[in-house]
Amino acid sequence: MDPEQIVFQTVQGLKLFLKDTFEEHVYETFTSSVCDWSTMWERIKQWLLHNPMRDTHSTVLAFAETLPDYDSFEWQLKQSLTLHERFWNQVYSNLCRAKVLLDSR
């Protein structure tokens, strides 16, 4: 899988997670404000190339800041990092994998 596919699947998983876990308005705000995929991918790719992957919490929070309307779900995300640690560890792992692949190009 290439880095774009990894990140695309991660964002799709994030959408489902928001829908199932967070308040409905958070999901609706997120999905209605998501720009087209190519624009989002370029933004995330630049973020991956320029940001270190320290640990799950700091990486997920920094990654979330690249997403549309982060402010609308920030507090829920911070709570969720503890409540849904396994999910966020997988997001972190995916981002690290994508970064390694990008860095090796």
N, C-alpha and C. Protein backbone atom coordinates (compact mmCIF):
# COMPACT_ATOMS: atom_id res chain seq x y z
N MET A 1 0.84 -1.17 0.00
CA MET A 1 0.00 0.00 0.00
C MET A 1 0.89 1.24 0.00
N ASP A 2 0.51 2.25 -0.77
CA ASP A 2 1.32 3.47 -0.78
C ASP A 2 0.83 4.44 0.31
N PRO A 3 1.60 5.49 0.61
CA PRO A 3 1.24 6.39 1.71
C PRO A 3 -0.14 7.03 1.55
N GLU A 4 -0.49 7.38 0.32
CA GLU A 4 -1.80 8.01 0.11
C GLU A 4 -2.92 7.04 0.45
N GLN A 5 -2.79 5.79 0.05
CA GLN A 5 -3.82 4.79 0.36
C GLN A 5 -3.94 4.58 1.87
N ILE A 6 -2.81 4.55 2.55
CA ILE A 6 -2.82 4.37 4.01
C ILE A 6 -3.56 5.52 4.67
N VAL A 7 -3.23 6.75 4.26
CA VAL A 7 -3.88 7.92 4.87
C VAL A 7 -5.35 7.98 4.48
N PHE A 8 -5.68 7.63 3.24
CA PHE A 8 -7.08 7.64 2.81
C PHE A 8 -7.90 6.68 3.68
N GLN A 9 -7.40 5.47 3.88
CA GLN A 9 -8.12 4.50 4.72
C GLN A 9 -8.21 4.99 6.16
N THR A 10 -7.17 5.66 6.63
CA THR A 10 -7.18 6.19 7.99
C THR A 10 -8.25 7.27 8.14
N VAL A 11 -8.35 8.16 7.15
CA VAL A 11 -9.36 9.22 7.20
C VAL A 11 -10.76 8.62 7.10
N GLN A 12 -10.94 7.59 6.27
CA GLN A 12 -12.24 6.93 6.18
C GLN A 12 -12.61 6.30 7.52
N GLY A 13 -11.64 5.67 8.16
CA GLY A 13 -11.88 5.10 9.49
C GLY A 13 -12.21 6.17 10.51
N LEU A 14 -11.55 7.31 10.39
CA LEU A 14 -11.82 8.42 11.29
C LEU A 14 -13.25 8.91 11.12
N LYS A 15 -13.71 8.98 9.88
CA LYS A 15 -15.10 9.41 9.63
C LYS A 15 -16.08 8.46 10.32
N LEU A 16 -15.87 7.16 10.15
CA LEU A 16 -16.76 6.18 10.79
C LEU A 16 -16.68 6.28 12.31
N PHE A 17 -15.48 6.47 12.82
CA PHE A 17 -15.30 6.59 14.26
C PHE A 17 -16.04 7.81 14.79
N LEU A 18 -15.91 8.94 14.10
CA LEU A 18 -16.62 10.15 14.52
C LEU A 18 -18.13 9.92 14.51
N LYS A 19 -18.60 9.24 13.48
CA LYS A 19 -20.04 8.99 13.36
C LYS A 19 -20.54 8.11 14.50
N ASP A 20 -19.78 7.08 14.85
CA ASP A 20 -20.21 6.13 15.87
C ASP A 20 -19.93 6.58 17.30
N THR A 21 -18.96 7.46 17.49
CA THR A 21 -18.47 7.75 18.83
C THR A 21 -18.80 9.15 19.31
N PHE A 22 -18.71 10.13 18.44
CA PHE A 22 -18.90 11.51 18.85
C PHE A 22 -20.34 11.95 18.62
N GLU A 23 -20.66 13.12 19.10
CA GLU A 23 -22.00 13.66 18.90
C GLU A 23 -22.27 13.84 17.41
N GLU A 24 -23.53 13.70 17.02
CA GLU A 24 -23.88 13.73 15.60
C GLU A 24 -23.43 15.01 14.91
N HIS A 25 -23.56 16.15 15.59
CA HIS A 25 -23.18 17.41 14.93
C HIS A 25 -21.69 17.47 14.62
N VAL A 26 -20.87 16.78 15.39
CA VAL A 26 -19.42 16.75 15.12
C VAL A 26 -19.17 16.02 13.81
N TYR A 27 -19.82 14.88 13.64
CA TYR A 27 -19.67 14.12 12.39
C TYR A 27 -20.18 14.93 11.21
N GLU A 28 -21.35 15.54 11.34
CA GLU A 28 -21.92 16.31 10.24
C GLU A 28 -21.04 17.50 9.87
N THR A 29 -20.52 18.19 10.88
CA THR A 29 -19.64 19.32 10.62
C THR A 29 -18.37 18.86 9.92
N PHE A 30 -17.81 17.77 10.39
CA PHE A 30 -16.58 17.24 9.80
C PHE A 30 -16.80 16.85 8.34
N THR A 31 -17.83 16.04 8.08
CA THR A 31 -18.03 15.55 6.72
C THR A 31 -18.45 16.65 5.75
N SER A 32 -19.19 17.64 6.23
CA SER A 32 -19.61 18.72 5.32
C SER A 32 -18.48 19.68 5.00
N SER A 33 -17.45 19.70 5.82
CA SER A 33 -16.36 20.64 5.60
C SER A 33 -15.11 20.00 5.00
N VAL A 34 -15.13 18.69 4.79
CA VAL A 34 -13.97 18.03 4.22
C VAL A 34 -13.83 18.47 2.77
N CYS A 35 -12.65 18.99 2.47
CA CYS A 35 -12.38 19.41 1.10
C CYS A 35 -12.19 18.17 0.23
N ASP A 36 -12.00 18.38 -1.05
CA ASP A 36 -11.81 17.23 -1.93
C ASP A 36 -10.56 16.46 -1.49
N TRP A 37 -10.52 15.18 -1.83
CA TRP A 37 -9.47 14.32 -1.34
C TRP A 37 -8.08 14.80 -1.76
N SER A 38 -7.90 15.23 -3.00
CA SER A 38 -6.56 15.61 -3.45
C SER A 38 -6.01 16.78 -2.65
N THR A 39 -6.87 17.74 -2.31
CA THR A 39 -6.44 18.87 -1.49
C THR A 39 -6.09 18.40 -0.08
N MET A 40 -6.94 17.55 0.48
CA MET A 40 -6.69 17.06 1.83
C MET A 40 -5.41 16.22 1.85
N TRP A 41 -5.22 15.38 0.85
CA TRP A 41 -4.03 14.54 0.81
C TRP A 41 -2.77 15.41 0.75
N GLU A 42 -2.76 16.44 -0.06
CA GLU A 42 -1.58 17.31 -0.15
C GLU A 42 -1.28 17.97 1.20
N ARG A 43 -2.32 18.40 1.88
CA ARG A 43 -2.14 19.02 3.20
C ARG A 43 -1.57 18.01 4.20
N ILE A 44 -2.14 16.81 4.22
CA ILE A 44 -1.68 15.78 5.15
C ILE A 44 -0.27 15.32 4.78
N LYS A 45 0.00 15.17 3.49
CA LYS A 45 1.33 14.75 3.06
C LYS A 45 2.40 15.74 3.53
N GLN A 46 2.13 17.02 3.37
CA GLN A 46 3.09 18.03 3.83
C GLN A 46 3.27 17.95 5.34
N TRP A 47 2.16 17.72 6.03
CA TRP A 47 2.24 17.57 7.49
C TRP A 47 3.12 16.37 7.85
N LEU A 48 2.90 15.23 7.18
CA LEU A 48 3.69 14.03 7.46
C LEU A 48 5.18 14.26 7.20
N LEU A 49 5.49 14.99 6.14
CA LEU A 49 6.89 15.22 5.79
C LEU A 49 7.60 16.15 6.77
N HIS A 50 6.84 17.00 7.46
CA HIS A 50 7.47 18.03 8.30
C HIS A 50 7.24 17.88 9.80
N ASN A 51 6.54 16.85 10.21
CA ASN A 51 6.24 16.69 11.64
C ASN A 51 6.76 15.37 12.17
N PRO A 52 7.37 15.40 13.34
CA PRO A 52 7.85 14.16 13.95
C PRO A 52 6.68 13.36 14.53
N MET A 53 6.86 12.07 14.61
CA MET A 53 5.87 11.18 15.21
C MET A 53 6.38 10.83 16.60
N ARG A 54 6.01 11.63 17.59
CA ARG A 54 6.55 11.44 18.95
C ARG A 54 5.87 10.29 19.69
N ASP A 55 4.59 10.41 19.86
CA ASP A 55 3.80 9.41 20.57
C ASP A 55 2.37 9.52 20.08
N THR A 56 1.55 8.58 20.48
CA THR A 56 0.17 8.54 19.98
C THR A 56 -0.57 9.83 20.27
N HIS A 57 -0.61 10.26 21.52
CA HIS A 57 -1.41 11.43 21.89
C HIS A 57 -0.99 12.69 21.14
N SER A 58 0.27 13.03 21.19
CA SER A 58 0.71 14.29 20.55
C SER A 58 0.58 14.21 19.04
N THR A 59 0.84 13.04 18.46
CA THR A 59 0.73 12.90 17.01
C THR A 59 -0.72 12.99 16.56
N VAL A 60 -1.62 12.30 17.24
CA VAL A 60 -3.04 12.35 16.86
C VAL A 60 -3.59 13.76 17.00
N LEU A 61 -3.26 14.45 18.08
CA LEU A 61 -3.74 15.82 18.26
C LEU A 61 -3.18 16.75 17.19
N ALA A 62 -1.90 16.59 16.87
CA ALA A 62 -1.31 17.43 15.82
C ALA A 62 -1.92 17.10 14.46
N PHE A 63 -2.15 15.83 14.19
CA PHE A 63 -2.79 15.42 12.93
C PHE A 63 -4.20 15.98 12.85
N ALA A 64 -4.94 15.90 13.94
CA ALA A 64 -6.32 16.39 13.95
C ALA A 64 -6.40 17.87 13.62
N GLU A 65 -5.37 18.61 13.98
CA GLU A 65 -5.36 20.04 13.67
C GLU A 65 -5.34 20.31 12.18
N THR A 66 -4.95 19.32 11.36
CA THR A 66 -4.95 19.49 9.91
C THR A 66 -6.34 19.26 9.32
N LEU A 67 -7.23 18.71 10.11
CA LEU A 67 -8.57 18.37 9.62
C LEU A 67 -9.52 19.55 9.75
N PRO A 68 -10.51 19.62 8.87
CA PRO A 68 -11.48 20.71 8.93
C PRO A 68 -12.24 20.72 10.25
N ASP A 69 -12.47 21.89 10.78
CA ASP A 69 -13.28 22.10 11.98
C ASP A 69 -12.79 21.33 13.20
N TYR A 70 -11.50 21.24 13.34
CA TYR A 70 -10.90 20.56 14.49
C TYR A 70 -11.45 21.11 15.81
N ASP A 71 -11.66 22.41 15.87
CA ASP A 71 -12.16 23.02 17.11
C ASP A 71 -13.48 22.43 17.56
N SER A 72 -14.30 21.97 16.60
CA SER A 72 -15.62 21.46 16.96
C SER A 72 -15.56 20.10 17.66
N PHE A 73 -14.47 19.38 17.51
CA PHE A 73 -14.38 18.07 18.17
C PHE A 73 -13.13 17.90 19.03
N GLU A 74 -12.39 18.96 19.26
CA GLU A 74 -11.14 18.87 20.01
C GLU A 74 -11.33 18.27 21.41
N TRP A 75 -12.30 18.78 22.18
CA TRP A 75 -12.46 18.29 23.55
C TRP A 75 -12.88 16.83 23.57
N GLN A 76 -13.73 16.42 22.62
CA GLN A 76 -14.14 15.02 22.57
C GLN A 76 -12.96 14.13 22.16
N LEU A 77 -12.15 14.64 21.27
CA LEU A 77 -10.97 13.89 20.84
C LEU A 77 -10.03 13.65 22.01
N LYS A 78 -9.80 14.67 22.79
CA LYS A 78 -8.90 14.53 23.94
C LYS A 78 -9.41 13.47 24.92
N GLN A 79 -10.70 13.44 25.15
CA GLN A 79 -11.28 12.41 26.02
C GLN A 79 -11.17 11.04 25.36
N SER A 80 -11.42 11.02 24.06
CA SER A 80 -11.41 9.77 23.32
C SER A 80 -10.04 9.11 23.27
N LEU A 81 -8.99 9.91 23.31
CA LEU A 81 -7.64 9.34 23.27
C LEU A 81 -7.41 8.35 24.41
N THR A 82 -8.04 8.59 25.54
CA THR A 82 -7.92 7.69 26.67
C THR A 82 -8.95 6.56 26.59
N LEU A 83 -10.17 6.92 26.23
CA LEU A 83 -11.25 5.93 26.21
C LEU A 83 -11.11 4.91 25.07
N HIS A 84 -10.52 5.32 23.97
CA HIS A 84 -10.43 4.46 22.78
C HIS A 84 -8.97 4.31 22.34
N GLU A 85 -8.15 3.99 23.30
CA GLU A 85 -6.70 3.96 23.07
C GLU A 85 -6.30 3.03 21.92
N ARG A 86 -6.94 1.91 21.82
CA ARG A 86 -6.59 0.94 20.77
C ARG A 86 -6.81 1.52 19.38
N PHE A 87 -7.95 2.19 19.18
CA PHE A 87 -8.24 2.82 17.89
C PHE A 87 -7.18 3.85 17.55
N TRP A 88 -6.86 4.72 18.53
CA TRP A 88 -5.90 5.81 18.27
C TRP A 88 -4.49 5.29 18.08
N ASN A 89 -4.15 4.18 18.72
CA ASN A 89 -2.84 3.56 18.48
C ASN A 89 -2.74 3.08 17.03
N GLN A 90 -3.87 2.60 16.50
CA GLN A 90 -3.87 2.16 15.09
C GLN A 90 -3.73 3.36 14.15
N VAL A 91 -4.40 4.47 14.46
CA VAL A 91 -4.25 5.69 13.66
C VAL A 91 -2.78 6.12 13.67
N TYR A 92 -2.19 6.14 14.85
CA TYR A 92 -0.79 6.51 15.00
C TYR A 92 0.11 5.59 14.17
N SER A 93 -0.13 4.31 14.26
CA SER A 93 0.66 3.33 13.51
C SER A 93 0.54 3.58 12.01
N ASN A 94 -0.67 3.84 11.54
CA ASN A 94 -0.89 4.12 10.11
C ASN A 94 -0.13 5.37 9.67
N LEU A 95 -0.20 6.42 10.48
CA LEU A 95 0.50 7.66 10.14
C LEU A 95 2.01 7.45 10.11
N CYS A 96 2.52 6.69 11.06
CA CYS A 96 3.97 6.39 11.08
C CYS A 96 4.37 5.61 9.84
N ARG A 97 3.56 4.63 9.46
CA ARG A 97 3.85 3.83 8.26
C ARG A 97 3.86 4.71 7.02
N ALA A 98 2.86 5.59 6.91
CA ALA A 98 2.79 6.49 5.75
C ALA A 98 3.99 7.42 5.72
N LYS A 99 4.39 7.91 6.89
CA LYS A 99 5.55 8.82 6.97
C LYS A 99 6.83 8.11 6.53
N VAL A 100 7.04 6.89 7.00
CA VAL A 100 8.24 6.13 6.62
C VAL A 100 8.28 5.95 5.10
N LEU A 101 7.15 5.61 4.52
CA LEU A 101 7.10 5.42 3.06
C LEU A 101 7.37 6.72 2.32
N LEU A 102 6.81 7.81 2.81
CA LEU A 102 7.06 9.12 2.17
C LEU A 102 8.52 9.52 2.31
N ASP A 103 9.07 9.33 3.49
CA ASP A 103 10.47 9.71 3.74
C ASP A 103 11.45 8.90 2.90
N SER A 104 11.06 7.69 2.53
CA SER A 104 11.97 6.83 1.77
C SER A 104 11.94 7.11 0.27
N ARG A 105 11.07 7.99 -0.14
CA ARG A 105 10.98 8.31 -1.57
C ARG A 105 12.08 9.22 -2.00
